Amino acid sequence: MGKRTYLIAPVEPLDVDGVRTVQVGTVVFLVAFVALLPFYGRLEEEGQTWLLWMCLTGVGLGLLGVEYCKRRRQLRTDHDELPDA
């Protein structure tokens, strides 16, 4: 088809270990939980309290996810530092 020239942009790589991504998601769930707390009465009247518990569950799972990603990052770092056999 012809010769093609590709330009590679000088950008930093994305967060490959996922720690920052999970931290941001956890903070978003926490902010949503705190923002919904003043409306607890209204949510209860309308049967929508599951929104609060969903946000709280997102925070809990996010904290577990942060720990998982940190351990995975550490294992990958340790593995990369091993001398070649």
PDB file of N, CA and C in Angstrom:
ATOM      1  N   MET A   1       0.817  -1.196   0.000  1.00  0.00           N
ATOM      2  CA  MET A   1       0.000   0.000   0.000  1.00  0.00           C
ATOM      3  C   MET A   1       0.854   1.251   0.000  1.00  0.00           C
ATOM      4  N   GLY A   2       2.097   1.116   0.232  1.00  0.00           N
ATOM      5  CA  GLY A   2       2.952   2.300   0.259  1.00  0.00           C
ATOM      6  C   GLY A   2       3.657   2.423   1.592  1.00  0.00           C
ATOM      7  N   LYS A   3       4.573   3.317   1.618  1.00  0.00           N
ATOM      8  CA  LYS A   3       5.322   3.518   2.849  1.00  0.00           C
ATOM      9  C   LYS A   3       4.564   4.491   3.743  1.00  0.00           C
ATOM     10  N   ARG A   4       4.540   4.151   5.008  1.00  0.00           N
ATOM     11  CA  ARG A   4       3.859   5.014   5.976  1.00  0.00           C
ATOM     12  C   ARG A   4       4.863   5.466   7.015  1.00  0.00           C
ATOM     13  N   THR A   5       4.697   6.676   7.445  1.00  0.00           N
ATOM     14  CA  THR A   5       5.542   7.216   8.497  1.00  0.00           C
ATOM     15  C   THR A   5       4.675   7.479   9.711  1.00  0.00           C
ATOM     16  N   TYR A   6       5.105   6.958  10.836  1.00  0.00           N
ATOM     17  CA  TYR A   6       4.346   7.126  12.061  1.00  0.00           C
ATOM     18  C   TYR A   6       5.095   8.068  12.995  1.00  0.00           C
ATOM     19  N   LEU A   7       4.366   8.976  13.556  1.00  0.00           N
ATOM     20  CA  LEU A   7       4.933   9.889  14.534  1.00  0.00           C
ATOM     21  C   LEU A   7       4.557   9.395  15.924  1.00  0.00           C
ATOM     22  N   ILE A   8       5.509   9.349  16.803  1.00  0.00           N
ATOM     23  CA  ILE A   8       5.253   8.921  18.171  1.00  0.00           C
ATOM     24  C   ILE A   8       5.290  10.163  19.051  1.00  0.00           C
ATOM     25  N   ALA A   9       4.184  10.432  19.691  1.00  0.00           N
ATOM     26  CA  ALA A   9       4.083  11.615  20.538  1.00  0.00           C
ATOM     27  C   ALA A   9       4.885  11.412  21.821  1.00  0.00           C
ATOM     28  N   PRO A  10       5.590  12.430  22.253  1.00  0.00           N
ATOM     29  CA  PRO A  10       6.382  12.319  23.484  1.00  0.00           C
ATOM     30  C   PRO A  10       5.514  12.513  24.732  1.00  0.00           C
ATOM     31  N   VAL A  11       4.692  11.545  25.037  1.00  0.00           N
ATOM     32  CA  VAL A  11       3.806  11.634  26.202  1.00  0.00           C
ATOM     33  C   VAL A  11       4.216  10.591  27.234  1.00  0.00           C
ATOM     34  N   GLU A  12       3.903  10.884  28.470  1.00  0.00           N
ATOM     35  CA  GLU A  12       4.189   9.949  29.549  1.00  0.00           C
ATOM     36  C   GLU A  12       3.229   8.763  29.455  1.00  0.00           C
ATOM     37  N   PRO A  13       3.676   7.580  29.841  1.00  0.00           N
ATOM     38  CA  PRO A  13       2.772   6.421  29.813  1.00  0.00           C
ATOM     39  C   PRO A  13       1.684   6.560  30.868  1.00  0.00           C
ATOM     40  N   LEU A  14       0.593   5.878  30.629  1.00  0.00           N
ATOM     41  CA  LEU A  14      -0.505   5.894  31.586  1.00  0.00           C
ATOM     42  C   LEU A  14      -0.128   5.152  32.855  1.00  0.00           C
ATOM     43  N   ASP A  15      -0.966   5.295  33.842  1.00  0.00           N
ATOM     44  CA  ASP A  15      -0.775   4.617  35.123  1.00  0.00           C
ATOM     45  C   ASP A  15      -1.016   3.124  34.906  1.00  0.00           C
ATOM     46  N   VAL A  16       0.056   2.375  34.658  1.00  0.00           N
ATOM     47  CA  VAL A  16      -0.103   0.979  34.293  1.00  0.00           C
ATOM     48  C   VAL A  16      -0.417   0.075  35.473  1.00  0.00           C
ATOM     49  N   ASP A  17      -0.137   0.524  36.697  1.00  0.00           N
ATOM     50  CA  ASP A  17      -0.417  -0.342  37.834  1.00  0.00           C
ATOM     51  C   ASP A  17      -1.824  -0.128  38.391  1.00  0.00           C
ATOM     52  N   GLY A  18      -2.486   0.933  38.035  1.00  0.00           N
ATOM     53  CA  GLY A  18      -3.880   1.139  38.409  1.00  0.00           C
ATOM     54  C   GLY A  18      -4.114   1.738  39.777  1.00  0.00           C
ATOM     55  N   VAL A  19      -3.065   2.040  40.533  1.00  0.00           N
ATOM     56  CA  VAL A  19      -3.254   2.554  41.889  1.00  0.00           C
ATOM     57  C   VAL A  19      -3.965   3.900  41.854  1.00  0.00           C
ATOM     58  N   ARG A  20      -3.471   4.824  41.059  1.00  0.00           N
ATOM     59  CA  ARG A  20      -4.076   6.156  40.998  1.00  0.00           C
ATOM     60  C   ARG A  20      -5.522   6.093  40.492  1.00  0.00           C
ATOM     61  N   THR A  21      -5.770   5.246  39.523  1.00  0.00           N
ATOM     62  CA  THR A  21      -7.118   5.115  38.976  1.00  0.00           C
ATOM     63  C   THR A  21      -8.101   4.640  40.038  1.00  0.00           C
ATOM     64  N   VAL A  22      -7.714   3.642  40.814  1.00  0.00           N
ATOM     65  CA  VAL A  22      -8.594   3.118  41.859  1.00  0.00           C
ATOM     66  C   VAL A  22      -8.750   4.140  42.979  1.00  0.00           C
ATOM     67  N   GLN A  23      -7.693   4.884  43.292  1.00  0.00           N
ATOM     68  CA  GLN A  23      -7.792   5.918  44.320  1.00  0.00           C
ATOM     69  C   GLN A  23      -8.780   7.005  43.914  1.00  0.00           C
ATOM     70  N   VAL A  24      -8.724   7.428  42.672  1.00  0.00           N
ATOM     71  CA  VAL A  24      -9.655   8.458  42.195  1.00  0.00           C
ATOM     72  C   VAL A  24     -11.090   7.948  42.245  1.00  0.00           C
ATOM     73  N   GLY A  25     -11.311   6.725  41.823  1.00  0.00           N
ATOM     74  CA  GLY A  25     -12.656   6.150  41.875  1.00  0.00           C
ATOM     75  C   GLY A  25     -13.178   6.046  43.294  1.00  0.00           C
ATOM     76  N   THR A  26     -12.308   5.682  44.221  1.00  0.00           N
ATOM     77  CA  THR A  26     -12.709   5.576  45.629  1.00  0.00           C
ATOM     78  C   THR A  26     -13.095   6.937  46.177  1.00  0.00           C
ATOM     79  N   VAL A  27     -12.318   7.960  45.838  1.00  0.00           N
ATOM     80  CA  VAL A  27     -12.627   9.316  46.303  1.00  0.00           C
ATOM     81  C   VAL A  27     -13.952   9.798  45.709  1.00  0.00           C
ATOM     82  N   VAL A  28     -14.204   9.477  44.464  1.00  0.00           N
ATOM     83  CA  VAL A  28     -15.476   9.873  43.838  1.00  0.00           C
ATOM     84  C   VAL A  28     -16.655   9.231  44.576  1.00  0.00           C
ATOM     85  N   PHE A  29     -16.550   7.957  44.912  1.00  0.00           N
ATOM     86  CA  PHE A  29     -17.618   7.304  45.668  1.00  0.00           C
ATOM     87  C   PHE A  29     -17.780   7.924  47.051  1.00  0.00           C
ATOM     88  N   LEU A  30     -16.676   8.277  47.694  1.00  0.00           N
ATOM     89  CA  LEU A  30     -16.746   8.903  49.016  1.00  0.00           C
ATOM     90  C   LEU A  30     -17.426  10.269  48.940  1.00  0.00           C
ATOM     91  N   VAL A  31     -17.078  11.058  47.945  1.00  0.00           N
ATOM     92  CA  VAL A  31     -17.706  12.374  47.766  1.00  0.00           C
ATOM     93  C   VAL A  31     -19.200  12.216  47.493  1.00  0.00           C
ATOM     94  N   ALA A  32     -19.567  11.242  46.685  1.00  0.00           N
ATOM     95  CA  ALA A  32     -20.981  11.005  46.395  1.00  0.00           C
ATOM     96  C   ALA A  32     -21.728  10.590  47.661  1.00  0.00           C
ATOM     97  N   PHE A  33     -21.109   9.753  48.488  1.00  0.00           N
ATOM     98  CA  PHE A  33     -21.734   9.334  49.746  1.00  0.00           C
ATOM     99  C   PHE A  33     -21.972  10.524  50.657  1.00  0.00           C
ATOM    100  N   VAL A  34     -20.955  11.359  50.824  1.00  0.00           N
ATOM    101  CA  VAL A  34     -21.077  12.526  51.693  1.00  0.00           C
ATOM    102  C   VAL A  34     -22.095  13.510  51.120  1.00  0.00           C
ATOM    103  N   ALA A  35     -22.153  13.659  49.811  1.00  0.00           N
ATOM    104  CA  ALA A  35     -23.104  14.576  49.183  1.00  0.00           C
ATOM    105  C   ALA A  35     -24.543  14.094  49.349  1.00  0.00           C
ATOM    106  N   LEU A  36     -24.749  12.779  49.430  1.00  0.00           N
ATOM    107  CA  LEU A  36     -26.107  12.241  49.563  1.00  0.00           C
ATOM    108  C   LEU A  36     -26.589  12.178  51.009  1.00  0.00           C
ATOM    109  N   LEU A  37     -25.680  12.255  51.967  1.00  0.00           N
ATOM    110  CA  LEU A  37     -26.079  12.145  53.376  1.00  0.00           C
ATOM    111  C   LEU A  37     -27.135  13.169  53.807  1.00  0.00           C
ATOM    112  N   PRO A  38     -27.030  14.437  53.406  1.00  0.00           N
ATOM    113  CA  PRO A  38     -28.070  15.389  53.827  1.00  0.00           C
ATOM    114  C   PRO A  38     -29.464  15.060  53.282  1.00  0.00           C
ATOM    115  N   PHE A  39     -29.525  14.249  52.259  1.00  0.00           N
ATOM    116  CA  PHE A  39     -30.803  13.912  51.638  1.00  0.00           C
ATOM    117  C   PHE A  39     -31.317  12.545  52.072  1.00  0.00           C
ATOM    118  N   TYR A  40     -30.819  12.042  53.205  1.00  0.00           N
ATOM    119  CA  TYR A  40     -31.198  10.702  53.648  1.00  0.00           C
ATOM    120  C   TYR A  40     -32.709  10.563  53.826  1.00  0.00           C
ATOM    121  N   GLY A  41     -33.335  11.562  54.477  1.00  0.00           N
ATOM    122  CA  GLY A  41     -34.785  11.504  54.693  1.00  0.00           C
ATOM    123  C   GLY A  41     -35.552  11.411  53.389  1.00  0.00           C
ATOM    124  N   ARG A  42     -35.173  12.225  52.440  1.00  0.00           N
ATOM    125  CA  ARG A  42     -35.857  12.220  51.140  1.00  0.00           C
ATOM    126  C   ARG A  42     -35.617  10.896  50.403  1.00  0.00           C
ATOM    127  N   LEU A  43     -34.383  10.412  50.486  1.00  0.00           N
ATOM    128  CA  LEU A  43     -34.086   9.127  49.840  1.00  0.00           C
ATOM    129  C   LEU A  43     -34.885   7.994  50.473  1.00  0.00           C
ATOM    130  N   GLU A  44     -35.050   8.056  51.792  1.00  0.00           N
ATOM    131  CA  GLU A  44     -35.810   7.019  52.488  1.00  0.00           C
ATOM    132  C   GLU A  44     -37.286   7.070  52.106  1.00  0.00           C
ATOM    133  N   GLU A  45     -37.832   8.275  51.973  1.00  0.00           N
ATOM    134  CA  GLU A  45     -39.234   8.415  51.558  1.00  0.00           C
ATOM    135  C   GLU A  45     -39.483   7.824  50.176  1.00  0.00           C
ATOM    136  N   GLU A  46     -38.522   7.994  49.296  1.00  0.00           N
ATOM    137  CA  GLU A  46     -38.680   7.529  47.920  1.00  0.00           C
ATOM    138  C   GLU A  46     -38.151   6.113  47.702  1.00  0.00           C
ATOM    139  N   GLY A  47     -37.651   5.489  48.771  1.00  0.00           N
ATOM    140  CA  GLY A  47     -37.136   4.126  48.638  1.00  0.00           C
ATOM    141  C   GLY A  47     -35.838   4.041  47.857  1.00  0.00           C
ATOM    142  N   GLN A  48     -35.020   5.067  47.944  1.00  0.00           N
ATOM    143  CA  GLN A  48     -33.777   5.124  47.173  1.00  0.00           C
ATOM    144  C   GLN A  48     -32.536   5.110  48.058  1.00  0.00           C
ATOM    145  N   THR A  49     -32.645   4.568  49.272  1.00  0.00           N
ATOM    146  CA  THR A  49     -31.483   4.543  50.158  1.00  0.00           C
ATOM    147  C   THR A  49     -30.375   3.638  49.635  1.00  0.00           C
ATOM    148  N   TRP A  50     -30.685   2.812  48.660  1.00  0.00           N
ATOM    149  CA  TRP A  50     -29.672   1.949  48.077  1.00  0.00           C
ATOM    150  C   TRP A  50     -28.544   2.774  47.462  1.00  0.00           C
ATOM    151  N   LEU A  51     -28.821   4.026  47.080  1.00  0.00           N
ATOM    152  CA  LEU A  51     -27.772   4.883  46.525  1.00  0.00           C
ATOM    153  C   LEU A  51     -26.666   5.136  47.547  1.00  0.00           C
ATOM    154  N   LEU A  52     -27.070   5.378  48.786  1.00  0.00           N
ATOM    155  CA  LEU A  52     -26.079   5.580  49.843  1.00  0.00           C
ATOM    156  C   LEU A  52     -25.231   4.334  50.048  1.00  0.00           C
ATOM    157  N   TRP A  53     -25.888   3.199  50.114  1.00  0.00           N
ATOM    158  CA  TRP A  53     -25.167   1.957  50.376  1.00  0.00           C
ATOM    159  C   TRP A  53     -24.302   1.551  49.192  1.00  0.00           C
ATOM    160  N   MET A  54     -24.724   1.908  48.003  1.00  0.00           N
ATOM    161  CA  MET A  54     -23.897   1.647  46.828  1.00  0.00           C
ATOM    162  C   MET A  54     -22.607   2.465  46.906  1.00  0.00           C
ATOM    163  N   CYS A  55     -22.731   3.733  47.296  1.00  0.00           N
ATOM    164  CA  CYS A  55     -21.548   4.581  47.417  1.00  0.00           C
ATOM    165  C   CYS A  55     -20.620   4.064  48.513  1.00  0.00           C
ATOM    166  N   LEU A  56     -21.195   3.647  49.633  1.00  0.00           N
ATOM    167  CA  LEU A  56     -20.386   3.130  50.729  1.00  0.00           C
ATOM    168  C   LEU A  56     -19.694   1.818  50.324  1.00  0.00           C
ATOM    169  N   THR A  57     -20.389   0.995  49.574  1.00  0.00           N
ATOM    170  CA  THR A  57     -19.787  -0.239  49.066  1.00  0.00           C
ATOM    171  C   THR A  57     -18.665   0.081  48.080  1.00  0.00           C
ATOM    172  N   GLY A  58     -18.866   1.101  47.254  1.00  0.00           N
ATOM    173  CA  GLY A  58     -17.818   1.526  46.325  1.00  0.00           C
ATOM    174  C   GLY A  58     -16.565   1.978  47.059  1.00  0.00           C
ATOM    175  N   VAL A  59     -16.743   2.664  48.186  1.00  0.00           N
ATOM    176  CA  VAL A  59     -15.587   3.094  48.981  1.00  0.00           C
ATOM    177  C   VAL A  59     -14.875   1.875  49.558  1.00  0.00           C
ATOM    178  N   GLY A  60     -15.638   0.945  50.122  1.00  0.00           N
ATOM    179  CA  GLY A  60     -15.036  -0.257  50.708  1.00  0.00           C
ATOM    180  C   GLY A  60     -14.294  -1.091  49.685  1.00  0.00           C
ATOM    181  N   LEU A  61     -14.919  -1.329  48.546  1.00  0.00           N
ATOM    182  CA  LEU A  61     -14.255  -2.109  47.498  1.00  0.00           C
ATOM    183  C   LEU A  61     -13.069  -1.354  46.912  1.00  0.00           C
ATOM    184  N   GLY A  62     -13.191  -0.032  46.864  1.00  0.00           N
ATOM    185  CA  GLY A  62     -12.080   0.781  46.381  1.00  0.00           C
ATOM    186  C   GLY A  62     -10.867   0.672  47.287  1.00  0.00           C
ATOM    187  N   LEU A  63     -11.099   0.660  48.599  1.00  0.00           N
ATOM    188  CA  LEU A  63      -9.981   0.512  49.533  1.00  0.00           C
ATOM    189  C   LEU A  63      -9.308  -0.846  49.370  1.00  0.00           C
ATOM    190  N   LEU A  64     -10.116  -1.872  49.173  1.00  0.00           N
ATOM    191  CA  LEU A  64      -9.540  -3.194  48.897  1.00  0.00           C
ATOM    192  C   LEU A  64      -8.769  -3.182  47.572  1.00  0.00           C
ATOM    193  N   GLY A  65      -9.321  -2.511  46.582  1.00  0.00           N
ATOM    194  CA  GLY A  65      -8.669  -2.428  45.281  1.00  0.00           C
ATOM    195  C   GLY A  65      -7.353  -1.676  45.326  1.00  0.00           C
ATOM    196  N   VAL A  66      -7.296  -0.625  46.138  1.00  0.00           N
ATOM    197  CA  VAL A  66      -6.044   0.122  46.276  1.00  0.00           C
ATOM    198  C   VAL A  66      -4.964  -0.780  46.860  1.00  0.00           C
ATOM    199  N   GLU A  67      -5.313  -1.516  47.906  1.00  0.00           N
ATOM    200  CA  GLU A  67      -4.336  -2.421  48.512  1.00  0.00           C
ATOM    201  C   GLU A  67      -3.894  -3.496  47.525  1.00  0.00           C
ATOM    202  N   TYR A  68      -4.824  -4.038  46.769  1.00  0.00           N
ATOM    203  CA  TYR A  68      -4.499  -5.057  45.774  1.00  0.00           C
ATOM    204  C   TYR A  68      -3.539  -4.500  44.724  1.00  0.00           C
ATOM    205  N   CYS A  69      -3.844  -3.305  44.221  1.00  0.00           N
ATOM    206  CA  CYS A  69      -2.997  -2.709  43.188  1.00  0.00           C
ATOM    207  C   CYS A  69      -1.618  -2.345  43.724  1.00  0.00           C
ATOM    208  N   LYS A  70      -1.554  -1.891  44.985  1.00  0.00           N
ATOM    209  CA  LYS A  70      -0.252  -1.573  45.571  1.00  0.00           C
ATOM    210  C   LYS A  70       0.594  -2.833  45.713  1.00  0.00           C
ATOM    211  N   ARG A  71      -0.027  -3.922  46.153  1.00  0.00           N
ATOM    212  CA  ARG A  71       0.719  -5.184  46.269  1.00  0.00           C
ATOM    213  C   ARG A  71       1.179  -5.679  44.907  1.00  0.00           C
ATOM    214  N   ARG A  72       0.308  -5.561  43.918  1.00  0.00           N
ATOM    215  CA  ARG A  72       0.675  -5.994  42.567  1.00  0.00           C
ATOM    216  C   ARG A  72       1.833  -5.160  42.028  1.00  0.00           C
ATOM    217  N   ARG A  73       1.774  -3.839  42.271  1.00  0.00           N
ATOM    218  CA  ARG A  73       2.861  -2.962  41.833  1.00  0.00           C
ATOM    219  C   ARG A  73       4.177  -3.354  42.509  1.00  0.00           C
ATOM    220  N   GLN A  74       4.111  -3.639  43.809  1.00  0.00           N
ATOM    221  CA  GLN A  74       5.319  -4.026  44.541  1.00  0.00           C
ATOM    222  C   GLN A  74       5.880  -5.341  44.012  1.00  0.00           C
ATOM    223  N   LEU A  75       5.016  -6.310  43.743  1.00  0.00           N
ATOM    224  CA  LEU A  75       5.481  -7.587  43.190  1.00  0.00           C
ATOM    225  C   LEU A  75       6.125  -7.402  41.822  1.00  0.00           C
ATOM    226  N   ARG A  76       5.529  -6.543  41.002  1.00  0.00           N
ATOM    227  CA  ARG A  76       6.101  -6.286  39.682  1.00  0.00           C
ATOM    228  C   ARG A  76       7.442  -5.594  39.795  1.00  0.00           C
ATOM    229  N   THR A  77       7.568  -4.662  40.737  1.00  0.00           N
ATOM    230  CA  THR A  77       8.837  -3.970  40.953  1.00  0.00           C
ATOM    231  C   THR A  77       9.900  -4.947  41.430  1.00  0.00           C
ATOM    232  N   ASP A  78       9.534  -5.797  42.385  1.00  0.00           N
ATOM    233  CA  ASP A  78      10.466  -6.800  42.885  1.00  0.00           C
ATOM    234  C   ASP A  78      10.896  -7.758  41.779  1.00  0.00           C
ATOM    235  N   HIS A  79       9.960  -8.132  40.930  1.00  0.00           N
ATOM    236  CA  HIS A  79      10.249  -9.068  39.836  1.00  0.00           C
ATOM    237  C   HIS A  79      11.181  -8.417  38.811  1.00  0.00           C
ATOM    238  N   ASP A  80      10.968  -7.129  38.533  1.00  0.00           N
ATOM    239  CA  ASP A  80      11.812  -6.436  37.559  1.00  0.00           C
ATOM    240  C   ASP A  80      13.234  -6.232  38.087  1.00  0.00           C
ATOM    241  N   GLU A  81      13.396  -6.163  39.410  1.00  0.00           N
ATOM    242  CA  GLU A  81      14.713  -5.938  39.998  1.00  0.00           C
ATOM    243  C   GLU A  81      15.526  -7.229  40.133  1.00  0.00           C
ATOM    244  N   LEU A  82      14.902  -8.382  39.945  1.00  0.00           N
ATOM    245  CA  LEU A  82      15.631  -9.638  40.052  1.00  0.00           C
ATOM    246  C   LEU A  82      16.687  -9.742  38.946  1.00  0.00           C
ATOM    247  N   PRO A  83      17.858 -10.265  39.277  1.00  0.00           N
ATOM    248  CA  PRO A  83      18.871 -10.451  38.233  1.00  0.00           C
ATOM    249  C   PRO A  83      18.437 -11.564  37.284  1.00  0.00           C
ATOM    250  N   ASP A  84      18.810 -11.419  36.043  1.00  0.00           N
ATOM    251  CA  ASP A  84      18.453 -12.438  35.055  1.00  0.00           C
ATOM    252  C   ASP A  84      19.183 -13.734  35.371  1.00  0.00           C
ATOM    253  N   ALA A  85      18.460 -14.846  35.243  1.00  0.00           N
ATOM    254  CA  ALA A  85      19.073 -16.155  35.551  1.00  0.00           C
ATOM    255  C   ALA A  85      19.796 -16.715  34.353  1.00  0.00           C
TER     256      ALA A  85
END
